[in-house]
Amino acid sequence: MELALFDLDNTLLAGDSDFEWAQYLISRGVLDKEVYEARNQQFFDQYKAGTLDIFEFLDFQLKPLARHSREQLDAWHREFMDTRIQPMMTEASRALVNQHLAAGSVVAIVTATNSFVTGPIARAFGIPHLIATIPAQENGAFTGQPRGTPAFKTGKIERVEGWLESLGLCWGSFARSWFYSDSHNDLPLLGKVSNPVAVDPDDTLRAHAEGQGWPVISLRG
């Protein structure tokens, strides 16, 4: 049995669903362009630089969910999938996912982006498991706060190990384990698997991957 884990943003997707969700809400007039666009870009730049405060970012990202009904949010998300996400789902990404699924691997997306945004994306790829940052809810409505450990940096390892335990599994259950990522923020989890793969990597991850002899691939085709 093998384990195949995928980062989502700028790995399986040729773009960032987190960033694009905020941009979509700005385009719909849900968020104020002047206030939110610069802030969204600032957080994105911090993520790329490895300086992101995940809790500060989640406060920014999750607060809009608490201001609207789930019915309205779901309607917006359907349009978001059609206009922003589907164009970022490349044939190469679909083929790689399907290759692991066909081989009988246990397949999951592991992403810092919250599960409201990413759940439908995982389903669109046909991936059965999603390990994502969880938005807290009360009485069916989002509170604007995260629940539990965010799936970010070392938090990804904690969340993956908790998920495996819930399935009665552990790292040793697998003959081989894979993690595909574009970001140096994912070096902790890349270091845990037997087969780390850098996908269209940032400069820091590319240098690390080349130094370690890890495969470097592109899914943008």
N, C-alpha and C. Protein backbone atom coordinates (compact mmCIF):
# COMPACT_ATOMS: atom_id res chain seq x y z
N MET A 1 0.85 -1.20 0.00
CA MET A 1 0.00 0.00 0.00
C MET A 1 0.89 1.25 0.00
N GLU A 2 0.45 2.25 -0.76
CA GLU A 2 1.21 3.49 -0.86
C GLU A 2 0.33 4.68 -0.47
N LEU A 3 0.98 5.75 -0.05
CA LEU A 3 0.31 6.99 0.37
C LEU A 3 0.75 8.10 -0.57
N ALA A 4 -0.21 8.82 -1.13
CA ALA A 4 0.09 9.94 -2.02
C ALA A 4 -0.59 11.19 -1.49
N LEU A 5 0.21 12.15 -1.07
CA LEU A 5 -0.27 13.42 -0.52
C LEU A 5 0.07 14.54 -1.49
N PHE A 6 -0.87 15.44 -1.66
CA PHE A 6 -0.69 16.56 -2.58
C PHE A 6 -0.97 17.88 -1.88
N ASP A 7 -0.03 18.82 -1.96
CA ASP A 7 -0.37 20.20 -1.70
C ASP A 7 -1.32 20.65 -2.81
N LEU A 8 -2.09 21.70 -2.54
CA LEU A 8 -3.07 22.14 -3.53
C LEU A 8 -2.60 23.37 -4.32
N ASP A 9 -2.42 24.48 -3.62
CA ASP A 9 -2.19 25.76 -4.30
C ASP A 9 -0.81 25.82 -4.94
N ASN A 10 -0.79 26.13 -6.22
CA ASN A 10 0.42 26.19 -7.03
C ASN A 10 1.13 24.85 -7.13
N THR A 11 0.42 23.78 -6.79
CA THR A 11 0.92 22.42 -6.98
C THR A 11 -0.07 21.71 -7.90
N LEU A 12 -1.17 21.19 -7.35
CA LEU A 12 -2.20 20.62 -8.24
C LEU A 12 -2.87 21.72 -9.06
N LEU A 13 -3.04 22.89 -8.45
CA LEU A 13 -3.62 24.02 -9.16
C LEU A 13 -2.52 24.90 -9.72
N ALA A 14 -2.74 25.42 -10.93
CA ALA A 14 -1.82 26.39 -11.51
C ALA A 14 -2.21 27.79 -11.03
N GLY A 15 -2.19 27.96 -9.71
CA GLY A 15 -2.61 29.19 -9.07
C GLY A 15 -2.94 28.91 -7.62
N ASP A 16 -3.41 29.92 -6.91
CA ASP A 16 -3.65 29.83 -5.47
C ASP A 16 -5.12 30.05 -5.16
N SER A 17 -5.80 29.01 -4.67
CA SER A 17 -7.24 29.11 -4.40
C SER A 17 -7.55 30.08 -3.28
N ASP A 18 -6.68 30.15 -2.28
CA ASP A 18 -6.82 31.09 -1.18
C ASP A 18 -6.87 32.53 -1.69
N PHE A 19 -5.84 32.87 -2.43
CA PHE A 19 -5.71 34.21 -2.99
C PHE A 19 -6.89 34.52 -3.91
N GLU A 20 -7.22 33.56 -4.77
CA GLU A 20 -8.28 33.78 -5.76
C GLU A 20 -9.66 33.90 -5.12
N TRP A 21 -9.90 33.21 -4.00
CA TRP A 21 -11.19 33.34 -3.31
C TRP A 21 -11.39 34.77 -2.83
N ALA A 22 -10.35 35.33 -2.22
CA ALA A 22 -10.47 36.73 -1.79
C ALA A 22 -10.64 37.65 -2.98
N GLN A 23 -9.90 37.40 -4.06
CA GLN A 23 -10.03 38.25 -5.26
C GLN A 23 -11.43 38.11 -5.86
N TYR A 24 -11.98 36.90 -5.82
CA TYR A 24 -13.34 36.70 -6.33
C TYR A 24 -14.35 37.50 -5.51
N LEU A 25 -14.24 37.44 -4.17
CA LEU A 25 -15.17 38.20 -3.32
C LEU A 25 -15.02 39.70 -3.56
N ILE A 26 -13.80 40.16 -3.81
CA ILE A 26 -13.59 41.57 -4.15
C ILE A 26 -14.29 41.90 -5.46
N SER A 27 -14.15 41.01 -6.45
CA SER A 27 -14.77 41.25 -7.76
C SER A 27 -16.28 41.30 -7.68
N ARG A 28 -16.87 40.59 -6.73
CA ARG A 28 -18.32 40.58 -6.56
C ARG A 28 -18.80 41.74 -5.68
N GLY A 29 -17.86 42.53 -5.16
CA GLY A 29 -18.23 43.63 -4.29
C GLY A 29 -18.54 43.21 -2.87
N VAL A 30 -18.25 41.94 -2.54
CA VAL A 30 -18.50 41.43 -1.18
C VAL A 30 -17.47 42.02 -0.21
N LEU A 31 -16.24 42.15 -0.68
CA LEU A 31 -15.17 42.76 0.10
C LEU A 31 -14.75 44.06 -0.56
N ASP A 32 -14.38 45.03 0.25
CA ASP A 32 -13.97 46.33 -0.26
C ASP A 32 -12.62 46.22 -0.98
N LYS A 33 -12.58 46.60 -2.24
CA LYS A 33 -11.38 46.44 -3.05
C LYS A 33 -10.19 47.19 -2.46
N GLU A 34 -10.41 48.43 -2.07
CA GLU A 34 -9.30 49.26 -1.59
C GLU A 34 -8.67 48.67 -0.33
N VAL A 35 -9.51 48.15 0.56
CA VAL A 35 -9.01 47.62 1.83
C VAL A 35 -8.43 46.22 1.66
N TYR A 36 -9.15 45.34 0.96
CA TYR A 36 -8.81 43.93 0.97
C TYR A 36 -7.79 43.52 -0.09
N GLU A 37 -7.74 44.20 -1.22
CA GLU A 37 -6.84 43.75 -2.28
C GLU A 37 -5.38 43.87 -1.86
N ALA A 38 -5.02 45.02 -1.26
CA ALA A 38 -3.64 45.20 -0.81
C ALA A 38 -3.31 44.23 0.31
N ARG A 39 -4.26 43.99 1.21
CA ARG A 39 -4.04 43.07 2.33
C ARG A 39 -3.89 41.64 1.83
N ASN A 40 -4.70 41.27 0.86
CA ASN A 40 -4.61 39.93 0.28
C ASN A 40 -3.24 39.72 -0.35
N GLN A 41 -2.76 40.69 -1.09
CA GLN A 41 -1.45 40.59 -1.73
C GLN A 41 -0.34 40.54 -0.68
N GLN A 42 -0.51 41.31 0.39
CA GLN A 42 0.49 41.33 1.45
C GLN A 42 0.64 39.95 2.09
N PHE A 43 -0.49 39.31 2.39
CA PHE A 43 -0.44 37.97 2.98
C PHE A 43 0.18 36.97 2.00
N PHE A 44 -0.15 37.08 0.73
CA PHE A 44 0.39 36.18 -0.28
C PHE A 44 1.90 36.33 -0.37
N ASP A 45 2.38 37.56 -0.33
CA ASP A 45 3.82 37.81 -0.38
C ASP A 45 4.52 37.26 0.88
N GLN A 46 3.86 37.40 2.03
CA GLN A 46 4.43 36.86 3.27
C GLN A 46 4.52 35.33 3.21
N TYR A 47 3.50 34.71 2.64
CA TYR A 47 3.52 33.25 2.49
C TYR A 47 4.72 32.83 1.64
N LYS A 48 4.90 33.49 0.51
CA LYS A 48 6.00 33.13 -0.38
C LYS A 48 7.36 33.37 0.28
N ALA A 49 7.42 34.38 1.15
CA ALA A 49 8.67 34.69 1.84
C ALA A 49 8.91 33.81 3.06
N GLY A 50 7.90 33.05 3.47
CA GLY A 50 8.03 32.20 4.65
C GLY A 50 7.86 32.93 5.96
N THR A 51 7.23 34.12 5.92
CA THR A 51 7.06 34.94 7.14
C THR A 51 5.61 35.06 7.57
N LEU A 52 4.72 34.28 6.96
CA LEU A 52 3.29 34.41 7.23
C LEU A 52 2.95 34.00 8.66
N ASP A 53 2.19 34.87 9.35
CA ASP A 53 1.57 34.52 10.63
C ASP A 53 0.22 33.88 10.30
N ILE A 54 0.14 32.56 10.44
CA ILE A 54 -1.04 31.84 9.96
C ILE A 54 -2.31 32.27 10.68
N PHE A 55 -2.22 32.62 11.95
CA PHE A 55 -3.42 33.00 12.69
C PHE A 55 -3.90 34.40 12.29
N GLU A 56 -2.96 35.30 12.00
CA GLU A 56 -3.34 36.61 11.49
C GLU A 56 -4.00 36.47 10.13
N PHE A 57 -3.44 35.60 9.30
CA PHE A 57 -4.02 35.38 7.99
C PHE A 57 -5.41 34.74 8.08
N LEU A 58 -5.56 33.75 8.94
CA LEU A 58 -6.86 33.09 9.06
C LEU A 58 -7.93 34.04 9.57
N ASP A 59 -7.56 34.98 10.41
CA ASP A 59 -8.52 35.99 10.85
C ASP A 59 -9.02 36.78 9.65
N PHE A 60 -8.11 37.11 8.75
CA PHE A 60 -8.46 37.83 7.52
C PHE A 60 -9.31 36.95 6.60
N GLN A 61 -8.91 35.70 6.44
CA GLN A 61 -9.55 34.82 5.47
C GLN A 61 -10.91 34.32 5.91
N LEU A 62 -11.06 34.03 7.21
CA LEU A 62 -12.28 33.38 7.67
C LEU A 62 -13.37 34.35 8.10
N LYS A 63 -13.03 35.58 8.43
CA LYS A 63 -14.04 36.54 8.88
C LYS A 63 -15.17 36.72 7.85
N PRO A 64 -14.86 36.85 6.54
CA PRO A 64 -15.96 37.01 5.57
C PRO A 64 -16.96 35.85 5.57
N LEU A 65 -16.50 34.64 5.92
CA LEU A 65 -17.42 33.50 5.94
C LEU A 65 -18.49 33.67 7.00
N ALA A 66 -18.14 34.38 8.08
CA ALA A 66 -19.08 34.54 9.18
C ALA A 66 -20.14 35.60 8.91
N ARG A 67 -19.98 36.38 7.85
CA ARG A 67 -20.88 37.51 7.60
C ARG A 67 -22.01 37.15 6.65
N HIS A 68 -21.99 35.93 6.11
CA HIS A 68 -22.98 35.57 5.08
C HIS A 68 -23.55 34.18 5.35
N SER A 69 -24.74 33.94 4.85
CA SER A 69 -25.38 32.64 5.03
C SER A 69 -24.64 31.57 4.25
N ARG A 70 -24.77 30.33 4.71
CA ARG A 70 -24.12 29.22 3.99
C ARG A 70 -24.71 29.09 2.59
N GLU A 71 -25.98 29.35 2.44
CA GLU A 71 -26.61 29.28 1.12
C GLU A 71 -25.95 30.27 0.15
N GLN A 72 -25.73 31.49 0.62
CA GLN A 72 -25.10 32.50 -0.23
C GLN A 72 -23.65 32.14 -0.52
N LEU A 73 -22.93 31.68 0.50
CA LEU A 73 -21.54 31.30 0.31
C LEU A 73 -21.41 30.15 -0.69
N ASP A 74 -22.31 29.17 -0.60
CA ASP A 74 -22.26 28.05 -1.53
C ASP A 74 -22.54 28.50 -2.96
N ALA A 75 -23.45 29.44 -3.13
CA ALA A 75 -23.76 29.97 -4.47
C ALA A 75 -22.54 30.68 -5.05
N TRP A 76 -21.90 31.50 -4.21
CA TRP A 76 -20.69 32.16 -4.69
C TRP A 76 -19.61 31.14 -5.03
N HIS A 77 -19.49 30.10 -4.19
CA HIS A 77 -18.43 29.12 -4.43
C HIS A 77 -18.64 28.36 -5.74
N ARG A 78 -19.88 28.09 -6.09
CA ARG A 78 -20.12 27.40 -7.38
C ARG A 78 -19.62 28.25 -8.55
N GLU A 79 -19.88 29.54 -8.49
CA GLU A 79 -19.39 30.43 -9.55
C GLU A 79 -17.86 30.53 -9.50
N PHE A 80 -17.31 30.58 -8.30
CA PHE A 80 -15.86 30.61 -8.11
C PHE A 80 -15.21 29.37 -8.73
N MET A 81 -15.80 28.21 -8.55
CA MET A 81 -15.27 26.98 -9.14
C MET A 81 -15.26 27.09 -10.66
N ASP A 82 -16.34 27.57 -11.22
CA ASP A 82 -16.46 27.64 -12.68
C ASP A 82 -15.51 28.66 -13.29
N THR A 83 -15.40 29.81 -12.65
CA THR A 83 -14.66 30.91 -13.27
C THR A 83 -13.20 30.99 -12.87
N ARG A 84 -12.86 30.54 -11.66
CA ARG A 84 -11.50 30.70 -11.17
C ARG A 84 -10.73 29.38 -11.03
N ILE A 85 -11.41 28.32 -10.58
CA ILE A 85 -10.70 27.08 -10.25
C ILE A 85 -10.57 26.14 -11.44
N GLN A 86 -11.66 25.90 -12.15
CA GLN A 86 -11.57 24.96 -13.27
C GLN A 86 -10.46 25.31 -14.25
N PRO A 87 -10.24 26.60 -14.58
CA PRO A 87 -9.14 26.92 -15.49
C PRO A 87 -7.75 26.62 -14.92
N MET A 88 -7.64 26.44 -13.61
CA MET A 88 -6.34 26.16 -12.98
C MET A 88 -6.09 24.66 -12.78
N MET A 89 -7.06 23.82 -13.13
CA MET A 89 -6.92 22.37 -12.98
C MET A 89 -6.36 21.80 -14.28
N THR A 90 -5.06 21.57 -14.33
CA THR A 90 -4.42 21.15 -15.57
C THR A 90 -4.61 19.67 -15.84
N GLU A 91 -4.46 19.29 -17.10
CA GLU A 91 -4.55 17.88 -17.47
C GLU A 91 -3.43 17.08 -16.82
N ALA A 92 -2.26 17.69 -16.68
CA ALA A 92 -1.14 16.98 -16.05
C ALA A 92 -1.44 16.67 -14.59
N SER A 93 -2.07 17.61 -13.90
CA SER A 93 -2.44 17.38 -12.50
C SER A 93 -3.46 16.26 -12.40
N ARG A 94 -4.48 16.32 -13.23
CA ARG A 94 -5.51 15.28 -13.21
C ARG A 94 -4.89 13.91 -13.49
N ALA A 95 -3.97 13.85 -14.45
CA ALA A 95 -3.36 12.57 -14.82
C ALA A 95 -2.53 12.00 -13.67
N LEU A 96 -1.79 12.86 -12.96
CA LEU A 96 -0.97 12.38 -11.84
C LEU A 96 -1.85 11.86 -10.71
N VAL A 97 -2.90 12.59 -10.39
CA VAL A 97 -3.84 12.14 -9.36
C VAL A 97 -4.44 10.80 -9.76
N ASN A 98 -4.90 10.69 -10.99
CA ASN A 98 -5.53 9.46 -11.46
C ASN A 98 -4.56 8.28 -11.46
N GLN A 99 -3.29 8.57 -11.72
CA GLN A 99 -2.27 7.52 -11.69
C GLN A 99 -2.17 6.91 -10.30
N HIS A 100 -2.16 7.76 -9.27
CA HIS A 100 -2.08 7.25 -7.90
C HIS A 100 -3.37 6.55 -7.49
N LEU A 101 -4.51 7.11 -7.89
CA LEU A 101 -5.78 6.47 -7.56
C LEU A 101 -5.87 5.09 -8.21
N ALA A 102 -5.47 5.00 -9.48
CA ALA A 102 -5.54 3.73 -10.19
C ALA A 102 -4.61 2.68 -9.59
N ALA A 103 -3.53 3.14 -8.96
CA ALA A 103 -2.58 2.21 -8.33
C ALA A 103 -3.06 1.74 -6.96
N GLY A 104 -4.20 2.28 -6.52
CA GLY A 104 -4.74 1.88 -5.23
C GLY A 104 -4.14 2.60 -4.04
N SER A 105 -3.44 3.70 -4.31
CA SER A 105 -2.84 4.48 -3.22
C SER A 105 -3.93 5.13 -2.38
N VAL A 106 -3.61 5.38 -1.11
CA VAL A 106 -4.43 6.26 -0.27
C VAL A 106 -4.04 7.68 -0.64
N VAL A 107 -5.00 8.46 -1.13
CA VAL A 107 -4.70 9.76 -1.72
C VAL A 107 -5.40 10.87 -0.95
N ALA A 108 -4.67 11.94 -0.65
CA ALA A 108 -5.24 13.07 0.08
C ALA A 108 -4.60 14.38 -0.39
N ILE A 109 -5.38 15.44 -0.32
CA ILE A 109 -4.86 16.80 -0.42
C ILE A 109 -4.54 17.27 0.99
N VAL A 110 -3.39 17.91 1.16
CA VAL A 110 -2.99 18.48 2.45
C VAL A 110 -2.71 19.96 2.21
N THR A 111 -3.58 20.83 2.71
CA THR A 111 -3.49 22.24 2.37
C THR A 111 -3.82 23.14 3.54
N ALA A 112 -3.12 24.27 3.61
CA ALA A 112 -3.41 25.28 4.64
C ALA A 112 -4.71 26.02 4.35
N THR A 113 -5.14 26.01 3.10
CA THR A 113 -6.37 26.70 2.73
C THR A 113 -7.56 26.00 3.38
N ASN A 114 -8.54 26.78 3.80
CA ASN A 114 -9.63 26.21 4.61
C ASN A 114 -10.51 25.26 3.81
N SER A 115 -11.17 24.37 4.54
CA SER A 115 -11.93 23.29 3.92
C SER A 115 -13.18 23.77 3.19
N PHE A 116 -13.72 24.95 3.54
CA PHE A 116 -14.85 25.46 2.77
C PHE A 116 -14.42 25.75 1.34
N VAL A 117 -13.28 26.40 1.19
CA VAL A 117 -12.78 26.71 -0.15
C VAL A 117 -12.33 25.45 -0.88
N THR A 118 -11.67 24.54 -0.17
CA THR A 118 -10.98 23.44 -0.85
C THR A 118 -11.78 22.16 -0.98
N GLY A 119 -12.83 21.97 -0.19
CA GLY A 119 -13.60 20.74 -0.28
C GLY A 119 -14.11 20.44 -1.68
N PRO A 120 -14.80 21.40 -2.32
CA PRO A 120 -15.27 21.15 -3.68
C PRO A 120 -14.14 20.93 -4.68
N ILE A 121 -12.97 21.51 -4.43
CA ILE A 121 -11.84 21.32 -5.33
C ILE A 121 -11.33 19.89 -5.23
N ALA A 122 -11.22 19.38 -4.01
CA ALA A 122 -10.81 17.99 -3.84
C ALA A 122 -11.78 17.05 -4.55
N ARG A 123 -13.06 17.32 -4.41
CA ARG A 123 -14.06 16.48 -5.08
C ARG A 123 -13.94 16.57 -6.60
N ALA A 124 -13.62 17.75 -7.11
CA ALA A 124 -13.48 17.91 -8.55
C ALA A 124 -12.30 17.11 -9.09
N PHE A 125 -11.27 16.92 -8.28
CA PHE A 125 -10.13 16.09 -8.67
C PHE A 125 -10.41 14.60 -8.44
N GLY A 126 -11.49 14.28 -7.74
CA GLY A 126 -11.77 12.89 -7.40
C GLY A 126 -10.93 12.37 -6.26
N ILE A 127 -10.39 13.27 -5.46
CA ILE A 127 -9.54 12.88 -4.33
C ILE A 127 -10.42 12.66 -3.10
N PRO A 128 -10.36 11.48 -2.49
CA PRO A 128 -11.32 11.13 -1.44
C PRO A 128 -11.04 11.75 -0.07
N HIS A 129 -9.82 12.19 0.19
CA HIS A 129 -9.47 12.70 1.52
C HIS A 129 -8.94 14.12 1.42
N LEU A 130 -9.34 14.96 2.37
CA LEU A 130 -8.89 16.34 2.44
C LEU A 130 -8.44 16.65 3.85
N ILE A 131 -7.19 17.09 3.97
CA ILE A 131 -6.65 17.55 5.24
C ILE A 131 -6.40 19.04 5.06
N ALA A 132 -7.25 19.86 5.64
CA ALA A 132 -7.22 21.30 5.43
C ALA A 132 -7.43 22.02 6.75
N THR A 133 -7.15 23.30 6.78
CA THR A 133 -7.51 24.11 7.93
C THR A 133 -9.04 24.14 8.03
N ILE A 134 -9.55 23.97 9.25
CA ILE A 134 -11.00 23.80 9.44
C ILE A 134 -11.60 25.09 9.99
N PRO A 135 -12.59 25.69 9.30
CA PRO A 135 -13.28 26.85 9.86
C PRO A 135 -14.28 26.38 10.92
N ALA A 136 -14.24 27.01 12.09
CA ALA A 136 -15.17 26.64 13.16
C ALA A 136 -16.59 27.03 12.79
N GLN A 137 -17.57 26.25 13.28
CA GLN A 137 -18.98 26.53 13.02
C GLN A 137 -19.77 26.43 14.33
N GLU A 138 -20.83 27.21 14.39
CA GLU A 138 -21.81 27.11 15.47
C GLU A 138 -23.20 27.19 14.85
N ASN A 139 -24.03 26.18 15.14
CA ASN A 139 -25.40 26.14 14.60
C ASN A 139 -25.41 26.26 13.08
N GLY A 140 -24.43 25.61 12.43
CA GLY A 140 -24.39 25.58 10.98
C GLY A 140 -23.82 26.81 10.33
N ALA A 141 -23.39 27.81 11.11
CA ALA A 141 -22.83 29.04 10.55
C ALA A 141 -21.36 29.14 10.94
N PHE A 142 -20.56 29.70 10.06
CA PHE A 142 -19.14 29.89 10.34
C PHE A 142 -18.96 30.98 11.39
N THR A 143 -17.99 30.79 12.27
CA THR A 143 -17.74 31.76 13.34
C THR A 143 -16.68 32.78 12.96
N GLY A 144 -15.91 32.50 11.92
CA GLY A 144 -14.81 33.37 11.54
C GLY A 144 -13.50 32.99 12.20
N GLN A 145 -13.48 31.86 12.93
CA GLN A 145 -12.28 31.39 13.61
C GLN A 145 -11.92 29.99 13.11
N PRO A 146 -10.64 29.62 13.21
CA PRO A 146 -10.26 28.25 12.85
C PRO A 146 -10.54 27.30 14.01
N ARG A 147 -10.67 26.01 13.70
CA ARG A 147 -10.83 24.97 14.72
C ARG A 147 -9.64 24.03 14.65
N GLY A 148 -8.99 23.84 15.77
CA GLY A 148 -7.86 22.92 15.82
C GLY A 148 -6.61 23.51 15.19
N THR A 149 -5.66 22.65 14.91
CA THR A 149 -4.37 23.07 14.37
C THR A 149 -4.48 23.39 12.89
N PRO A 150 -4.06 24.57 12.44
CA PRO A 150 -4.05 24.85 11.01
C PRO A 150 -3.09 23.90 10.28
N ALA A 151 -3.46 23.50 9.09
CA ALA A 151 -2.63 22.58 8.30
C ALA A 151 -1.55 23.39 7.58
N PHE A 152 -0.58 23.88 8.35
CA PHE A 152 0.43 24.78 7.83
C PHE A 152 1.77 24.43 8.45
N LYS A 153 2.82 24.34 7.62
CA LYS A 153 4.16 23.98 8.06
C LYS A 153 4.14 22.69 8.88
N THR A 154 4.64 22.71 10.13
CA THR A 154 4.65 21.48 10.93
C THR A 154 3.24 21.02 11.29
N GLY A 155 2.26 21.93 11.22
CA GLY A 155 0.87 21.56 11.45
C GLY A 155 0.38 20.54 10.45
N LYS A 156 0.97 20.54 9.24
CA LYS A 156 0.57 19.52 8.26
C LYS A 156 0.94 18.12 8.74
N ILE A 157 2.11 17.98 9.35
CA ILE A 157 2.51 16.67 9.87
C ILE A 157 1.54 16.24 10.97
N GLU A 158 1.25 17.14 11.90
CA GLU A 158 0.33 16.81 13.00
C GLU A 158 -1.03 16.38 12.46
N ARG A 159 -1.54 17.12 11.50
CA ARG A 159 -2.87 16.81 10.96
C ARG A 159 -2.86 15.50 10.16
N VAL A 160 -1.82 15.27 9.38
CA VAL A 160 -1.73 14.02 8.62
C VAL A 160 -1.64 12.83 9.57
N GLU A 161 -0.82 12.94 10.61
CA GLU A 161 -0.68 11.81 11.53
C GLU A 161 -1.97 11.53 12.29
N GLY A 162 -2.71 12.60 12.65
CA GLY A 162 -4.01 12.40 13.29
C GLY A 162 -5.00 11.73 12.36
N TRP A 163 -4.98 12.13 11.09
CA TRP A 163 -5.86 11.52 10.08
C TRP A 163 -5.52 10.05 9.87
N LEU A 164 -4.23 9.75 9.73
CA LEU A 164 -3.83 8.36 9.56
C LEU A 164 -4.25 7.51 10.75
N GLU A 165 -4.06 8.05 11.94
CA GLU A 165 -4.46 7.32 13.15
C GLU A 165 -5.95 7.02 13.15
N SER A 166 -6.75 7.98 12.65
CA SER A 166 -8.20 7.77 12.60
C SER A 166 -8.58 6.64 11.65
N LEU A 167 -7.69 6.34 10.70
CA LEU A 167 -7.90 5.24 9.76
C LEU A 167 -7.26 3.95 10.24
N GLY A 168 -6.64 4.00 11.42
CA GLY A 168 -5.93 2.82 11.92
C GLY A 168 -4.61 2.60 11.22
N LEU A 169 -4.00 3.69 10.72
CA LEU A 169 -2.77 3.59 9.96
C LEU A 169 -1.70 4.49 10.58
N CYS A 170 -0.45 4.35 10.09
CA CYS A 170 0.65 5.22 10.47
C CYS A 170 1.62 5.25 9.30
N TRP A 171 2.70 6.03 9.43
CA TRP A 171 3.66 6.10 8.32
C TRP A 171 4.17 4.72 7.94
N GLY A 172 4.38 3.86 8.95
CA GLY A 172 4.91 2.54 8.70
C GLY A 172 3.95 1.59 7.99
N SER A 173 2.70 2.02 7.81
CA SER A 173 1.72 1.19 7.11
C SER A 173 1.96 1.16 5.61
N PHE A 174 2.81 2.06 5.11
CA PHE A 174 2.94 2.24 3.67
C PHE A 174 4.33 1.84 3.18
N ALA A 175 4.34 1.11 2.08
CA ALA A 175 5.62 0.75 1.45
C ALA A 175 6.33 1.98 0.93
N ARG A 176 5.56 2.92 0.39
CA ARG A 176 6.11 4.20 -0.07
C ARG A 176 5.10 5.31 0.21
N SER A 177 5.62 6.47 0.50
CA SER A 177 4.76 7.64 0.72
C SER A 177 5.29 8.79 -0.11
N TRP A 178 4.36 9.54 -0.71
CA TRP A 178 4.69 10.64 -1.60
C TRP A 178 4.09 11.94 -1.06
N PHE A 179 4.80 13.02 -1.23
CA PHE A 179 4.21 14.34 -1.02
C PHE A 179 4.71 15.25 -2.13
N TYR A 180 3.76 15.88 -2.81
CA TYR A 180 4.04 16.79 -3.91
C TYR A 180 3.75 18.22 -3.45
N SER A 181 4.72 19.11 -3.59
CA SER A 181 4.50 20.50 -3.17
C SER A 181 5.39 21.46 -3.96
N ASP A 182 4.92 22.70 -4.03
CA ASP A 182 5.67 23.78 -4.68
C ASP A 182 6.44 24.65 -3.71
N SER A 183 6.17 24.53 -2.41
CA SER A 183 6.56 25.58 -1.46
C SER A 183 7.56 25.13 -0.41
N HIS A 184 8.52 26.00 -0.10
CA HIS A 184 9.46 25.73 0.99
C HIS A 184 8.76 25.68 2.34
N ASN A 185 7.53 26.25 2.44
CA ASN A 185 6.76 26.13 3.68
C ASN A 185 6.42 24.67 3.99
N ASP A 186 6.49 23.81 2.97
CA ASP A 186 6.14 22.40 3.15
C ASP A 186 7.34 21.50 3.37
N LEU A 187 8.51 22.08 3.61
CA LEU A 187 9.69 21.25 3.84
C LEU A 187 9.52 20.28 5.01
N PRO A 188 8.83 20.63 6.11
CA PRO A 188 8.66 19.64 7.17
C PRO A 188 7.99 18.35 6.70
N LEU A 189 6.87 18.47 5.97
CA LEU A 189 6.17 17.27 5.52
C LEU A 189 6.93 16.59 4.38
N LEU A 190 7.56 17.35 3.52
CA LEU A 190 8.38 16.75 2.47
C LEU A 190 9.48 15.88 3.08
N GLY A 191 9.99 16.30 4.23
CA GLY A 191 11.03 15.53 4.89
C GLY A 191 10.54 14.27 5.59
N LYS A 192 9.22 14.13 5.75
CA LYS A 192 8.65 12.96 6.43
C LYS A 192 8.39 11.78 5.49
N VAL A 193 8.14 12.07 4.21
CA VAL A 193 7.75 11.01 3.29
C VAL A 193 8.97 10.35 2.66
N SER A 194 8.77 9.15 2.11
CA SER A 194 9.88 8.46 1.46
C SER A 194 10.18 9.01 0.08
N ASN A 195 9.16 9.63 -0.56
CA ASN A 195 9.32 10.14 -1.92
C ASN A 195 8.83 11.59 -2.03
N PRO A 196 9.64 12.55 -1.60
CA PRO A 196 9.25 13.95 -1.76
C PRO A 196 9.45 14.39 -3.21
N VAL A 197 8.51 15.19 -3.71
CA VAL A 197 8.59 15.68 -5.09
C VAL A 197 8.31 17.18 -5.10
N ALA A 198 9.22 17.95 -5.67
CA ALA A 198 9.03 19.39 -5.82
C ALA A 198 8.30 19.65 -7.14
N VAL A 199 7.21 20.39 -7.07
CA VAL A 199 6.37 20.65 -8.23
C VAL A 199 6.37 22.15 -8.54
N ASP A 200 6.91 22.51 -9.72
CA ASP A 200 6.99 23.93 -10.07
C ASP A 200 7.43 24.74 -8.85
N PRO A 201 8.56 24.39 -8.25
CA PRO A 201 8.88 24.89 -6.92
C PRO A 201 9.35 26.34 -6.88
N ASP A 202 9.18 26.96 -5.71
CA ASP A 202 9.78 28.27 -5.49
C ASP A 202 11.30 28.09 -5.43
N ASP A 203 12.03 29.20 -5.45
CA ASP A 203 13.50 29.11 -5.55
C ASP A 203 14.11 28.37 -4.37
N THR A 204 13.57 28.61 -3.17
CA THR A 204 14.13 27.97 -1.98
C THR A 204 13.93 26.46 -2.02
N LEU A 205 12.72 26.04 -2.38
CA LEU A 205 12.46 24.60 -2.46
C LEU A 205 13.25 23.98 -3.60
N ARG A 206 13.37 24.66 -4.73
CA ARG A 206 14.12 24.10 -5.85
C ARG A 206 15.58 23.84 -5.45
N ALA A 207 16.18 24.81 -4.77
CA ALA A 207 17.57 24.64 -4.35
C ALA A 207 17.71 23.47 -3.38
N HIS A 208 16.75 23.37 -2.45
CA HIS A 208 16.78 22.27 -1.47
C HIS A 208 16.59 20.94 -2.18
N ALA A 209 15.62 20.87 -3.09
CA ALA A 209 15.34 19.62 -3.80
C ALA A 209 16.54 19.18 -4.62
N GLU A 210 17.16 20.11 -5.31
CA GLU A 210 18.32 19.76 -6.12
C GLU A 210 19.47 19.30 -5.24
N GLY A 211 19.63 19.93 -4.07
CA GLY A 211 20.68 19.53 -3.15
C GLY A 211 20.46 18.15 -2.57
N GLN A 212 19.18 17.77 -2.37
CA GLN A 212 18.83 16.47 -1.81
C GLN A 212 18.63 15.39 -2.86
N GLY A 213 18.64 15.79 -4.12
CA GLY A 213 18.39 14.82 -5.19
C GLY A 213 16.94 14.43 -5.34
N TRP A 214 16.02 15.31 -4.89
CA TRP A 214 14.60 15.04 -5.05
C TRP A 214 14.17 15.32 -6.48
N PRO A 215 13.18 14.61 -6.99
CA PRO A 215 12.63 14.94 -8.31
C PRO A 215 12.03 16.34 -8.32
N VAL A 216 12.19 17.03 -9.43
CA VAL A 216 11.56 18.33 -9.65
C VAL A 216 10.75 18.20 -10.94
N ILE A 217 9.43 18.39 -10.84
CA ILE A 217 8.55 18.22 -12.00
C ILE A 217 7.68 19.47 -12.20
N SER A 218 7.00 19.51 -13.33
CA SER A 218 6.03 20.56 -13.61
C SER A 218 4.68 19.94 -13.94
N LEU A 219 3.63 20.54 -13.39
CA LEU A 219 2.26 20.12 -13.71
C LEU A 219 1.50 21.21 -14.44
N ARG A 220 2.22 22.16 -15.01
CA ARG A 220 1.56 23.29 -15.67
C ARG A 220 1.18 22.99 -17.11
N GLY A 221 1.58 21.85 -17.62
CA GLY A 221 1.28 21.51 -19.01
C GLY A 221 -0.14 21.03 -19.20
